[in-house]
PDB file of all heavy atoms in Angstrom:
ATOM      1  N   LYS A   1      77.271  87.668  83.973  1.00  0.00           N
ATOM      2  CA  LYS A   1      77.434  88.408  82.723  1.00  0.00           C
ATOM      3  C   LYS A   1      78.665  87.954  81.952  1.00  0.00           C
ATOM      4  O   LYS A   1      78.972  88.514  80.894  1.00  0.00           O
ATOM      5  CB  LYS A   1      77.518  89.912  83.001  1.00  0.00           C
ATOM      6  CG  LYS A   1      76.245  90.505  83.569  1.00  0.00           C
ATOM      7  CD  LYS A   1      76.373  92.008  83.751  1.00  0.00           C
ATOM      8  CE  LYS A   1      75.072  92.610  84.263  1.00  0.00           C
ATOM      9  NZ  LYS A   1      75.174  94.082  84.462  1.00  0.00           N
ATOM     10  N   ASN A   2      79.380  86.969  82.527  1.00  0.00           N
ATOM     11  CA  ASN A   2      80.588  86.455  81.866  1.00  0.00           C
ATOM     12  C   ASN A   2      81.583  87.568  81.575  1.00  0.00           C
ATOM     13  O   ASN A   2      82.222  87.591  80.512  1.00  0.00           O
ATOM     14  CB  ASN A   2      80.225  85.734  80.566  1.00  0.00           C
ATOM     15  CG  ASN A   2      80.821  84.355  80.472  1.00  0.00           C
ATOM     16  OD1 ASN A   2      81.168  83.736  81.491  1.00  0.00           O
ATOM     17  ND2 ASN A   2      80.964  83.844  79.270  1.00  0.00           N
ATOM     18  N   THR A   3      81.747  88.456  82.529  1.00  0.00           N
ATOM     19  CA  THR A   3      82.575  89.643  82.328  1.00  0.00           C
ATOM     20  C   THR A   3      83.413  89.928  83.571  1.00  0.00           C
ATOM     21  O   THR A   3      82.943  89.742  84.701  1.00  0.00           O
ATOM     22  CB  THR A   3      81.697  90.863  82.007  1.00  0.00           C
ATOM     23  OG1 THR A   3      80.910  90.590  80.836  1.00  0.00           O
ATOM     24  CG2 THR A   3      82.549  92.103  81.733  1.00  0.00           C
ATOM     25  N   VAL A   4      84.628  90.366  83.323  1.00  0.00           N
ATOM     26  CA  VAL A   4      85.527  90.803  84.390  1.00  0.00           C
ATOM     27  C   VAL A   4      85.847  92.274  84.136  1.00  0.00           C
ATOM     28  O   VAL A   4      85.983  92.698  82.984  1.00  0.00           O
ATOM     29  CB  VAL A   4      86.807  89.954  84.410  1.00  0.00           C
ATOM     30  CG1 VAL A   4      87.814  90.509  85.416  1.00  0.00           C
ATOM     31  CG2 VAL A   4      86.477  88.510  84.743  1.00  0.00           C
ATOM     32  N   TYR A   5      85.979  93.020  85.220  1.00  0.00           N
ATOM     33  CA  TYR A   5      86.205  94.453  85.124  1.00  0.00           C
ATOM     34  C   TYR A   5      87.519  94.843  85.808  1.00  0.00           C
ATOM     35  O   TYR A   5      87.979  94.170  86.728  1.00  0.00           O
ATOM     36  CB  TYR A   5      85.053  95.216  85.786  1.00  0.00           C
ATOM     37  CG  TYR A   5      83.701  94.847  85.258  1.00  0.00           C
ATOM     38  CD1 TYR A   5      82.911  93.911  85.919  1.00  0.00           C
ATOM     39  CD2 TYR A   5      83.196  95.437  84.106  1.00  0.00           C
ATOM     40  CE1 TYR A   5      81.657  93.559  85.445  1.00  0.00           C
ATOM     41  CE2 TYR A   5      81.939  95.088  83.623  1.00  0.00           C
ATOM     42  CZ  TYR A   5      81.173  94.151  84.293  1.00  0.00           C
ATOM     43  OH  TYR A   5      79.935  93.821  83.812  1.00  0.00           O
ATOM     44  N   LEU A   6      88.056  95.956  85.346  1.00  0.00           N
ATOM     45  CA  LEU A   6      89.195  96.567  86.029  1.00  0.00           C
ATOM     46  C   LEU A   6      88.897  98.049  86.160  1.00  0.00           C
ATOM     47  O   LEU A   6      88.921  98.783  85.168  1.00  0.00           O
ATOM     48  CB  LEU A   6      90.503  96.346  85.258  1.00  0.00           C
ATOM     49  CG  LEU A   6      91.756  96.850  85.982  1.00  0.00           C
ATOM     50  CD1 LEU A   6      92.037  96.002  87.230  1.00  0.00           C
ATOM     51  CD2 LEU A   6      92.967  96.837  85.047  1.00  0.00           C
ATOM     52  N   GLN A   7      88.570  98.464  87.371  1.00  0.00           N
ATOM     53  CA  GLN A   7      88.337  99.875  87.659  1.00  0.00           C
ATOM     54  C   GLN A   7      89.661 100.525  87.967  1.00  0.00           C
ATOM     55  O   GLN A   7      90.359 100.099  88.895  1.00  0.00           O
ATOM     56  CB  GLN A   7      87.383 100.042  88.836  1.00  0.00           C
ATOM     57  CG  GLN A   7      87.127 101.492  89.223  1.00  0.00           C
ATOM     58  CD  GLN A   7      86.354 102.256  88.161  1.00  0.00           C
ATOM     59  OE1 GLN A   7      85.387 101.747  87.607  1.00  0.00           O
ATOM     60  NE2 GLN A   7      86.780 103.489  87.889  1.00  0.00           N
ATOM     61  N   MET A   8      90.015 101.529  87.208  1.00  0.00           N
ATOM     62  CA  MET A   8      91.312 102.187  87.354  1.00  0.00           C
ATOM     63  C   MET A   8      91.081 103.640  87.755  1.00  0.00           C
ATOM     64  O   MET A   8      90.512 104.425  86.977  1.00  0.00           O
ATOM     65  CB  MET A   8      92.100 102.106  86.042  1.00  0.00           C
ATOM     66  CG  MET A   8      92.262 100.698  85.519  1.00  0.00           C
ATOM     67  SD  MET A   8      93.352 100.594  84.083  1.00  0.00           S
ATOM     68  CE  MET A   8      92.435 101.567  82.905  1.00  0.00           C
ATOM     69  N   ASN A   9      91.503 103.990  88.950  1.00  0.00           N
ATOM     70  CA  ASN A   9      91.378 105.344  89.468  1.00  0.00           C
ATOM     71  C   ASN A   9      92.752 105.960  89.664  1.00  0.00           C
ATOM     72  O   ASN A   9      93.762 105.258  89.686  1.00  0.00           O
ATOM     73  CB  ASN A   9      90.617 105.336  90.796  1.00  0.00           C
ATOM     74  CG  ASN A   9      89.205 104.807  90.672  1.00  0.00           C
ATOM     75  OD1 ASN A   9      88.541 104.968  89.640  1.00  0.00           O
ATOM     76  ND2 ASN A   9      88.724 104.160  91.723  1.00  0.00           N
ATOM     77  N   SER A  10      92.774 107.263  89.822  1.00  0.00           N
ATOM     78  CA  SER A  10      94.023 107.995  90.061  1.00  0.00           C
ATOM     79  C   SER A  10      95.093 107.586  89.053  1.00  0.00           C
ATOM     80  O   SER A  10      96.236 107.301  89.415  1.00  0.00           O
ATOM     81  CB  SER A  10      94.515 107.740  91.494  1.00  0.00           C
ATOM     82  OG  SER A  10      93.553 108.116  92.441  1.00  0.00           O
ATOM     83  N   LEU A  11      94.715 107.578  87.812  1.00  0.00           N
ATOM     84  CA  LEU A  11      95.633 107.128  86.764  1.00  0.00           C
ATOM     85  C   LEU A  11      96.835 108.050  86.639  1.00  0.00           C
ATOM     86  O   LEU A  11      96.734 109.268  86.842  1.00  0.00           O
ATOM     87  CB  LEU A  11      94.899 107.022  85.435  1.00  0.00           C
ATOM     88  CG  LEU A  11      94.012 105.779  85.306  1.00  0.00           C
ATOM     89  CD1 LEU A  11      92.989 105.946  84.196  1.00  0.00           C
ATOM     90  CD2 LEU A  11      94.870 104.549  85.051  1.00  0.00           C
ATOM     91  N   LYS A  12      97.960 107.439  86.320  1.00  0.00           N
ATOM     92  CA  LYS A  12      99.220 108.147  86.171  1.00  0.00           C
ATOM     93  C   LYS A  12      99.754 107.934  84.754  1.00  0.00           C
ATOM     94  O   LYS A  12      99.415 106.925  84.115  1.00  0.00           O
ATOM     95  CB  LYS A  12     100.245 107.608  87.171  1.00  0.00           C
ATOM     96  CG  LYS A  12      99.802 107.643  88.621  1.00  0.00           C
ATOM     97  CD  LYS A  12     100.838 106.969  89.517  1.00  0.00           C
ATOM     98  CE  LYS A  12     100.402 106.987  90.972  1.00  0.00           C
ATOM     99  NZ  LYS A  12     101.403 106.327  91.858  1.00  0.00           N
ATOM    100  N   PRO A  13     100.599 108.823  84.282  1.00  0.00           N
ATOM    101  CA  PRO A  13     101.179 108.626  82.938  1.00  0.00           C
ATOM    102  C   PRO A  13     101.874 107.273  82.791  1.00  0.00           C
ATOM    103  O   PRO A  13     101.849 106.679  81.704  1.00  0.00           O
ATOM    104  CB  PRO A  13     102.169 109.786  82.818  1.00  0.00           C
ATOM    105  CG  PRO A  13     101.577 110.856  83.671  1.00  0.00           C
ATOM    106  CD  PRO A  13     100.962 110.138  84.839  1.00  0.00           C
ATOM    107  N   GLU A  14     102.469 106.769  83.858  1.00  0.00           N
ATOM    108  CA  GLU A  14     103.157 105.477  83.776  1.00  0.00           C
ATOM    109  C   GLU A  14     102.194 104.302  83.659  1.00  0.00           C
ATOM    110  O   GLU A  14     102.633 103.166  83.457  1.00  0.00           O
ATOM    111  CB  GLU A  14     104.096 105.275  84.978  1.00  0.00           C
ATOM    112  CG  GLU A  14     103.463 105.512  86.332  1.00  0.00           C
ATOM    113  CD  GLU A  14     103.721 106.911  86.861  1.00  0.00           C
ATOM    114  OE1 GLU A  14     103.603 107.891  86.088  1.00  0.00           O
ATOM    115  OE2 GLU A  14     104.017 107.017  88.072  1.00  0.00           O
ATOM    116  N   ASP A  15     100.892 104.549  83.763  1.00  0.00           N
ATOM    117  CA  ASP A  15      99.905 103.496  83.516  1.00  0.00           C
ATOM    118  C   ASP A  15      99.609 103.335  82.032  1.00  0.00           C
ATOM    119  O   ASP A  15      98.888 102.412  81.642  1.00  0.00           O
ATOM    120  CB  ASP A  15      98.598 103.802  84.247  1.00  0.00           C
ATOM    121  CG  ASP A  15      98.738 103.778  85.753  1.00  0.00           C
ATOM    122  OD1 ASP A  15      99.417 102.872  86.280  1.00  0.00           O
ATOM    123  OD2 ASP A  15      98.154 104.673  86.416  1.00  0.00           O
ATOM    124  N   THR A  16     100.146 104.209  81.213  1.00  0.00           N
ATOM    125  CA  THR A  16      99.927 104.137  79.776  1.00  0.00           C
ATOM    126  C   THR A  16     100.464 102.836  79.210  1.00  0.00           C
ATOM    127  O   THR A  16     101.640 102.492  79.407  1.00  0.00           O
ATOM    128  CB  THR A  16     100.595 105.324  79.067  1.00  0.00           C
ATOM    129  OG1 THR A  16      99.957 106.536  79.488  1.00  0.00           O
ATOM    130  CG2 THR A  16     100.490 105.190  77.554  1.00  0.00           C
ATOM    131  N   ALA A  17      99.609 102.089  78.526  1.00  0.00           N
ATOM    132  CA  ALA A  17      99.984 100.783  77.986  1.00  0.00           C
ATOM    133  C   ALA A  17      98.782 100.199  77.243  1.00  0.00           C
ATOM    134  O   ALA A  17      97.673 100.734  77.321  1.00  0.00           O
ATOM    135  CB  ALA A  17     100.394  99.829  79.108  1.00  0.00           C
ATOM    136  N   VAL A  18      99.029  99.109  76.556  1.00  0.00           N
ATOM    137  CA  VAL A  18      97.939  98.278  76.053  1.00  0.00           C
ATOM    138  C   VAL A  18      97.595  97.283  77.160  1.00  0.00           C
ATOM    139  O   VAL A  18      98.480  96.615  77.697  1.00  0.00           O
ATOM    140  CB  VAL A  18      98.326  97.538  74.765  1.00  0.00           C
ATOM    141  CG1 VAL A  18      97.176  96.639  74.308  1.00  0.00           C
ATOM    142  CG2 VAL A  18      98.690  98.535  73.670  1.00  0.00           C
ATOM    143  N   TYR A  19      96.326  97.228  77.496  1.00  0.00           N
ATOM    144  CA  TYR A  19      95.860  96.349  78.561  1.00  0.00           C
ATOM    145  C   TYR A  19      95.172  95.139  77.950  1.00  0.00           C
ATOM    146  O   TYR A  19      94.324  95.267  77.060  1.00  0.00           O
ATOM    147  CB  TYR A  19      94.902  97.104  79.480  1.00  0.00           C
ATOM    148  CG  TYR A  19      95.603  98.040  80.430  1.00  0.00           C
ATOM    149  CD1 TYR A  19      96.223  99.193  79.966  1.00  0.00           C
ATOM    150  CD2 TYR A  19      95.689  97.757  81.789  1.00  0.00           C
ATOM    151  CE1 TYR A  19      96.897 100.047  80.826  1.00  0.00           C
ATOM    152  CE2 TYR A  19      96.355  98.606  82.667  1.00  0.00           C
ATOM    153  CZ  TYR A  19      96.957  99.744  82.172  1.00  0.00           C
ATOM    154  OH  TYR A  19      97.628 100.584  83.036  1.00  0.00           O
ATOM    155  N   TYR A  20      95.542  93.973  78.451  1.00  0.00           N
ATOM    156  CA  TYR A  20      95.003  92.713  77.981  1.00  0.00           C
ATOM    157  C   TYR A  20      94.355  91.964  79.146  1.00  0.00           C
ATOM    158  O   TYR A  20      94.852  92.015  80.269  1.00  0.00           O
ATOM    159  CB  TYR A  20      96.107  91.819  77.424  1.00  0.00           C
ATOM    160  CG  TYR A  20      96.898  92.395  76.282  1.00  0.00           C
ATOM    161  CD1 TYR A  20      98.022  93.182  76.522  1.00  0.00           C
ATOM    162  CD2 TYR A  20      96.544  92.129  74.969  1.00  0.00           C
ATOM    163  CE1 TYR A  20      98.765  93.707  75.474  1.00  0.00           C
ATOM    164  CE2 TYR A  20      97.286  92.645  73.910  1.00  0.00           C
ATOM    165  CZ  TYR A  20      98.393  93.436  74.170  1.00  0.00           C
ATOM    166  OH  TYR A  20      99.134  93.940  73.126  1.00  0.00           O
ATOM    167  N   CYS A  21      93.296  91.230  78.847  1.00  0.00           N
ATOM    168  CA  CYS A  21      92.808  90.259  79.816  1.00  0.00           C
ATOM    169  C   CYS A  21      93.140  88.867  79.295  1.00  0.00           C
ATOM    170  O   CYS A  21      93.275  88.651  78.077  1.00  0.00           O
ATOM    171  CB  CYS A  21      91.319  90.410  80.095  1.00  0.00           C
ATOM    172  SG  CYS A  21      90.216  90.087  78.709  1.00  0.00           S
ATOM    173  N   ALA A  22      93.292  87.946  80.217  1.00  0.00           N
ATOM    174  CA  ALA A  22      93.679  86.591  79.872  1.00  0.00           C
ATOM    175  C   ALA A  22      93.059  85.619  80.861  1.00  0.00           C
ATOM    176  O   ALA A  22      92.758  85.988  82.000  1.00  0.00           O
ATOM    177  CB  ALA A  22      95.197  86.450  79.866  1.00  0.00           C
ATOM    178  N   ALA A  23      92.891  84.390  80.404  1.00  0.00           N
ATOM    179  CA  ALA A  23      92.250  83.370  81.232  1.00  0.00           C
ATOM    180  C   ALA A  23      93.143  82.157  81.382  1.00  0.00           C
ATOM    181  O   ALA A  23      93.896  81.786  80.471  1.00  0.00           O
ATOM    182  CB  ALA A  23      90.924  82.948  80.588  1.00  0.00           C
ATOM    183  N   ILE A  24      93.048  81.537  82.550  1.00  0.00           N
ATOM    184  CA  ILE A  24      93.708  80.271  82.802  1.00  0.00           C
ATOM    185  C   ILE A  24      92.729  79.385  83.560  1.00  0.00           C
ATOM    186  O   ILE A  24      92.045  79.858  84.489  1.00  0.00           O
ATOM    187  CB  ILE A  24      95.025  80.455  83.584  1.00  0.00           C
ATOM    188  CG1 ILE A  24      95.704  79.107  83.809  1.00  0.00           C
ATOM    189  CG2 ILE A  24      94.803  81.189  84.890  1.00  0.00           C
ATOM    190  CD1 ILE A  24      97.106  79.217  84.403  1.00  0.00           C
ATOM    191  N   GLY A  25      92.674  78.116  83.181  1.00  0.00           N
ATOM    192  CA  GLY A  25      91.766  77.189  83.833  1.00  0.00           C
ATOM    193  C   GLY A  25      92.245  76.847  85.229  1.00  0.00           C
ATOM    194  O   GLY A  25      93.012  75.909  85.412  1.00  0.00           O
ATOM    195  N   ALA A  26      91.836  77.628  86.170  1.00  0.00           N
ATOM    196  CA  ALA A  26      92.226  77.444  87.561  1.00  0.00           C
ATOM    197  C   ALA A  26      91.175  78.096  88.438  1.00  0.00           C
ATOM    198  O   ALA A  26      90.395  78.937  87.979  1.00  0.00           O
ATOM    199  CB  ALA A  26      93.602  78.060  87.830  1.00  0.00           C
ATOM    200  N   ILE A  27      91.185  77.699  89.711  1.00  0.00           N
ATOM    201  CA  ILE A  27      90.209  78.248  90.648  1.00  0.00           C
ATOM    202  C   ILE A  27      90.813  79.362  91.488  1.00  0.00           C
ATOM    203  O   ILE A  27      90.223  80.415  91.693  1.00  0.00           O
ATOM    204  CB  ILE A  27      89.663  77.127  91.552  1.00  0.00           C
ATOM    205  CG1 ILE A  27      88.877  76.118  90.710  1.00  0.00           C
ATOM    206  CG2 ILE A  27      88.782  77.714  92.664  1.00  0.00           C
ATOM    207  CD1 ILE A  27      88.420  74.905  91.486  1.00  0.00           C
ATOM    208  N   ALA A  28      92.025  79.090  91.987  1.00  0.00           N
ATOM    209  CA  ALA A  28      92.676  80.043  92.883  1.00  0.00           C
ATOM    210  C   ALA A  28      93.793  80.773  92.162  1.00  0.00           C
ATOM    211  O   ALA A  28      94.377  80.272  91.204  1.00  0.00           O
ATOM    212  CB  ALA A  28      93.226  79.314  94.104  1.00  0.00           C
ATOM    213  N   THR A  29      94.085  81.957  92.643  1.00  0.00           N
ATOM    214  CA  THR A  29      95.181  82.745  92.097  1.00  0.00           C
ATOM    215  C   THR A  29      96.103  83.171  93.230  1.00  0.00           C
ATOM    216  O   THR A  29      95.714  83.198  94.397  1.00  0.00           O
ATOM    217  CB  THR A  29      94.651  83.985  91.358  1.00  0.00           C
ATOM    218  OG1 THR A  29      95.759  84.725  90.825  1.00  0.00           O
ATOM    219  CG2 THR A  29      93.870  84.911  92.294  1.00  0.00           C
ATOM    220  N   ASP A  30      97.338  83.462  92.879  1.00  0.00           N
ATOM    221  CA  ASP A  30      98.270  84.010  93.850  1.00  0.00           C
ATOM    222  C   ASP A  30      99.172  85.004  93.142  1.00  0.00           C
ATOM    223  O   ASP A  30      99.097  85.179  91.922  1.00  0.00           O
ATOM    224  CB  ASP A  30      99.087  82.908  94.542  1.00  0.00           C
ATOM    225  CG  ASP A  30      99.850  82.019  93.561  1.00  0.00           C
ATOM    226  OD1 ASP A  30     100.266  82.509  92.489  1.00  0.00           O
ATOM    227  OD2 ASP A  30     100.032  80.840  93.868  1.00  0.00           O
ATOM    228  N   GLN A  31     100.023  85.656  93.913  1.00  0.00           N
ATOM    229  CA  GLN A  31     100.839  86.731  93.351  1.00  0.00           C
ATOM    230  C   GLN A  31     101.775  86.210  92.268  1.00  0.00           C
ATOM    231  O   GLN A  31     101.997  86.878  91.253  1.00  0.00           O
ATOM    232  CB  GLN A  31     101.633  87.408  94.478  1.00  0.00           C
ATOM    233  CG  GLN A  31     102.019  88.839  94.201  1.00  0.00           C
ATOM    234  CD  GLN A  31     100.844  89.796  94.201  1.00  0.00           C
ATOM    235  OE1 GLN A  31      99.814  89.558  94.832  1.00  0.00           O
ATOM    236  NE2 GLN A  31     100.963  90.900  93.489  1.00  0.00           N
TER     237      GLN A  31
END
């Protein structure tokens, strides 16, 4: 579906923000 999701549970006031998704041409990710 060419889509990525972010399921957010137990939300807190400190989670308030503008959320962005971004892409980088890579296969693996790390912290």
